[in-house]
Amino acid sequence: MPRFIPDPEALRLGEALAALRRERGLSQAEAGARLDMTSQGWGLYEAGRRSGLFRPDVQRRLTGALNSTPEALALALSPTDAPSTDHRPAVAPAAQAVESRGRAFAGAPSQIRRLQVLNDDLSPWADSGVVLEYALGVWPRRGQGCVIEVGGETRIRIYETGDADTVTVRGAARSDKAEILSRRAIDRLSAVTARIERQ
């Protein structure tokens, strides 16, 4: 059986979560218990082995258990905190839907757009009134929100998969029927990088 190798960005996000937990003096078991989760379950997030860590709602749950916020998690990912041996581009973390309000995209603010959700079609992922930030032309990851521009229409969906000819997306719930779009019909596909809840 091949050995599982976590995505480097998932690893960084997990390390940032671990740093927040250690700052609060909690063990993985104590942090997990606050969410009725085992220490092993919590450890999988910190090890970068659960892709759900890229979802803003999961980030809110996990950081909430640490009496922290997704913004603090994003700050822990700040490129300025990265070790000097890290040669990845400074904008890489922003493609992970961290609720950083575009912080890691500071070098290219013209590439970030905002869009307000006007109905509850995407609930509970994004309720009416939530503002989404998305990075133009940044390809989304599986399970990440995306903004699709098709023939003058803008759609907000959850990205599932894509190939050379098609892109498969769905609504907010796993039970929502998959929608298969021709890549030729899509004017632009962009990744949602942050959700800004109503105050």
Protein backbone atom coordinates (compact mmCIF):
# COMPACT_ATOMS: atom_id res chain seq x y z
CA MET A 1 0.00 0.00 0.00
CA PRO A 2 1.49 3.39 -0.96
CA ARG A 3 2.35 5.72 1.90
CA PHE A 4 0.05 8.76 2.28
CA ILE A 5 1.93 12.02 1.75
CA PRO A 6 -0.01 15.09 2.94
CA ASP A 7 -0.34 18.13 0.69
CA PRO A 8 2.36 20.68 1.69
CA GLU A 9 -0.24 23.41 2.22
CA ALA A 10 -2.42 21.10 4.33
CA LEU A 11 0.69 20.38 6.37
CA ARG A 12 1.35 24.11 6.90
CA LEU A 13 -2.26 24.71 7.89
CA GLY A 14 -2.11 21.78 10.33
CA GLU A 15 1.14 23.10 11.81
CA ALA A 16 -0.49 26.51 12.31
CA LEU A 17 -3.40 24.83 14.13
CA ALA A 18 -0.93 22.91 16.32
CA ALA A 19 0.88 26.16 17.14
CA LEU A 20 -2.40 27.79 18.26
CA ARG A 21 -3.19 24.75 20.42
CA ARG A 22 0.25 24.76 22.06
CA GLU A 23 -0.01 28.52 22.75
CA ARG A 24 -3.10 27.74 24.83
CA GLY A 25 -1.34 24.92 26.69
CA LEU A 26 -3.74 22.23 25.51
CA SER A 27 -3.01 18.66 24.50
CA GLN A 28 -4.60 17.18 21.38
CA ALA A 29 -6.90 15.16 23.65
CA GLU A 30 -8.03 18.28 25.55
CA ALA A 31 -8.63 20.25 22.36
CA GLY A 32 -10.48 17.35 20.73
CA ALA A 33 -12.65 16.79 23.83
CA ARG A 34 -14.03 20.31 23.43
CA LEU A 35 -15.56 19.14 20.13
CA ASP A 36 -16.41 15.56 21.18
CA MET A 37 -13.48 14.42 19.03
CA THR A 38 -10.72 11.97 19.89
CA SER A 39 -7.10 13.06 20.19
CA GLN A 40 -6.43 11.00 17.05
CA GLY A 41 -9.14 12.90 15.16
CA TRP A 42 -7.63 16.22 16.19
CA GLY A 43 -4.16 14.92 15.34
CA LEU A 44 -5.26 14.11 11.78
CA TYR A 45 -6.07 17.80 11.24
CA GLU A 46 -2.70 18.86 12.62
CA ALA A 47 -0.93 16.27 10.45
CA GLY A 48 -2.57 17.68 7.30
CA ARG A 49 -4.43 14.42 6.66
CA ARG A 50 -7.96 15.88 6.67
CA SER A 51 -8.80 18.13 3.72
CA GLY A 52 -11.72 19.59 5.67
CA LEU A 53 -9.25 21.91 7.38
CA PHE A 54 -9.41 24.09 4.25
CA ARG A 55 -13.12 24.74 4.84
CA PRO A 56 -13.86 28.00 6.70
CA ASP A 57 -16.66 26.41 8.77
CA VAL A 58 -14.27 23.67 9.97
CA GLN A 59 -11.63 26.30 10.73
CA ARG A 60 -14.17 28.21 12.83
CA ARG A 61 -15.05 25.05 14.81
CA LEU A 62 -11.45 24.06 15.44
CA THR A 63 -10.17 27.53 16.31
CA GLY A 64 -13.30 28.13 18.42
CA ALA A 65 -12.35 25.10 20.53
CA LEU A 66 -9.06 26.92 21.18
CA ASN A 67 -10.81 30.21 22.02
CA SER A 68 -9.26 31.60 18.86
CA THR A 69 -10.34 32.63 15.35
CA PRO A 70 -9.69 31.67 11.72
CA GLU A 71 -7.94 35.03 11.36
CA ALA A 72 -5.42 33.97 14.02
CA LEU A 73 -4.91 30.74 12.07
CA ALA A 74 -4.27 32.79 8.92
CA LEU A 75 -1.75 34.95 10.79
CA ALA A 76 0.06 31.80 11.88
CA LEU A 77 0.40 31.01 8.16
CA SER A 78 1.80 34.45 7.36
CA PRO A 79 4.66 34.20 4.82
CA THR A 80 6.78 36.48 7.03
CA ASP A 81 6.71 33.77 9.72
CA ALA A 82 7.87 31.06 7.33
CA PRO A 83 11.41 29.71 7.80
CA SER A 84 14.05 31.20 5.51
CA THR A 85 14.46 27.81 3.80
CA ASP A 86 10.86 27.93 2.56
CA HIS A 87 11.03 28.69 -1.15
CA ARG A 88 7.33 28.51 -1.94
CA PRO A 89 5.63 31.62 -3.39
CA ALA A 90 4.32 34.03 -0.77
CA VAL A 91 0.76 33.87 -2.17
CA ALA A 92 0.39 30.08 -1.84
CA PRO A 93 -1.54 29.98 1.50
CA ALA A 94 -4.30 32.28 0.23
CA ALA A 95 -5.60 29.64 -2.15
CA GLN A 96 -6.72 27.55 0.83
CA ALA A 97 -9.88 29.43 1.81
CA VAL A 98 -8.36 30.68 5.03
CA GLU A 99 -10.48 33.52 6.37
CA SER A 100 -7.63 35.95 6.07
CA ARG A 101 -9.59 38.63 4.20
CA GLY A 102 -7.02 38.35 1.43
CA ARG A 103 -4.06 39.11 3.71
CA ALA A 104 -1.67 36.79 1.85
CA PHE A 105 -2.70 38.37 -1.47
CA ALA A 106 -1.48 41.81 -0.39
CA GLY A 107 0.98 41.86 -3.28
CA ALA A 108 -1.82 41.53 -5.84
CA PRO A 109 -4.96 43.23 -4.48
CA SER A 110 -6.43 43.68 -7.96
CA GLN A 111 -6.83 39.88 -8.20
CA ILE A 112 -9.28 39.68 -5.27
CA ARG A 113 -12.99 40.27 -5.79
CA ARG A 114 -15.94 40.24 -3.39
CA LEU A 115 -19.42 38.89 -3.91
CA GLN A 116 -22.34 38.91 -1.49
CA VAL A 117 -24.55 35.82 -1.19
CA LEU A 118 -28.14 36.97 -1.71
CA ASN A 119 -30.10 33.82 -0.81
CA ASP A 120 -29.89 30.69 1.33
CA ASP A 121 -29.25 28.27 -1.55
CA LEU A 122 -25.72 27.61 -0.23
CA SER A 123 -26.72 27.23 3.43
CA PRO A 124 -25.14 26.11 5.72
CA TRP A 125 -21.89 26.71 3.80
CA ALA A 126 -22.75 30.38 3.22
CA ASP A 127 -26.02 32.00 4.33
CA SER A 128 -27.64 35.05 2.80
CA GLY A 129 -25.62 38.19 3.54
CA VAL A 130 -22.22 36.47 3.74
CA VAL A 131 -19.57 38.17 1.62
CA LEU A 132 -17.23 35.88 -0.29
CA GLU A 133 -13.74 36.87 -1.36
CA TYR A 134 -12.41 35.03 -4.39
CA ALA A 135 -9.11 35.08 -6.25
CA LEU A 136 -9.52 35.54 -9.99
CA GLY A 137 -8.22 32.60 -11.98
CA VAL A 138 -6.98 30.64 -8.94
CA TRP A 139 -8.11 27.04 -9.44
CA PRO A 140 -10.08 25.69 -6.43
CA ARG A 141 -9.37 22.50 -4.52
CA ARG A 142 -11.88 19.69 -4.10
CA GLY A 143 -14.49 20.70 -1.50
CA GLN A 144 -13.56 24.41 -1.75
CA GLY A 145 -15.99 27.13 -2.75
CA CYS A 146 -15.68 28.55 -6.25
CA VAL A 147 -17.14 31.34 -8.34
CA ILE A 148 -18.01 30.39 -11.92
CA GLU A 149 -18.64 32.96 -14.62
CA VAL A 150 -20.67 31.49 -17.48
CA GLY A 151 -22.13 33.61 -20.29
CA GLY A 152 -22.55 36.71 -18.13
CA GLU A 153 -23.98 34.73 -15.20
CA THR A 154 -22.11 34.27 -11.92
CA ARG A 155 -22.63 31.06 -9.95
CA ILE A 156 -21.29 30.11 -6.52
CA ARG A 157 -20.68 26.40 -6.09
CA ILE A 158 -18.50 23.82 -4.32
CA TYR A 159 -15.78 22.45 -6.59
CA GLU A 160 -15.65 18.67 -6.92
CA THR A 161 -13.38 17.73 -9.81
CA GLY A 162 -12.30 18.68 -13.30
CA ASP A 163 -10.61 17.29 -16.36
CA ALA A 164 -9.59 18.59 -19.78
CA ASP A 165 -13.21 18.89 -20.96
CA THR A 166 -15.48 19.29 -17.94
CA VAL A 167 -15.75 20.69 -14.43
CA THR A 168 -17.99 19.06 -11.80
CA VAL A 169 -19.47 21.22 -9.04
CA ARG A 170 -22.34 20.94 -6.56
CA GLY A 171 -24.36 23.03 -4.16
CA ALA A 172 -23.51 23.41 -0.48
CA ALA A 173 -24.83 20.03 0.73
CA ARG A 174 -23.24 16.67 -0.11
CA SER A 175 -26.72 15.54 -1.15
CA ASP A 176 -26.97 18.26 -3.83
CA LYS A 177 -26.89 16.87 -7.34
CA ALA A 178 -23.59 17.26 -9.18
CA GLU A 179 -23.54 19.78 -12.01
CA ILE A 180 -21.21 19.05 -14.93
CA LEU A 181 -20.12 22.06 -16.97
CA SER A 182 -18.17 22.14 -20.20
CA ARG A 183 -14.86 23.96 -19.72
CA ARG A 184 -15.49 25.71 -23.05
CA ALA A 185 -18.65 27.27 -21.62
CA ILE A 186 -16.87 28.64 -18.53
CA ASP A 187 -15.52 32.18 -18.93
CA ARG A 188 -13.65 32.05 -15.63
CA LEU A 189 -13.39 29.77 -12.59
CA SER A 190 -12.04 31.27 -9.35
CA ALA A 191 -11.40 29.90 -5.85
CA VAL A 192 -13.20 31.33 -2.82
CA THR A 193 -10.46 32.34 -0.42
CA ALA A 194 -12.49 33.82 2.46
CA ARG A 195 -16.00 34.15 3.82
CA ILE A 196 -16.82 37.28 5.77
CA GLU A 197 -19.78 36.71 8.06
CA ARG A 198 -22.32 39.41 8.79
CA GLN A 199 -21.42 41.50 11.84
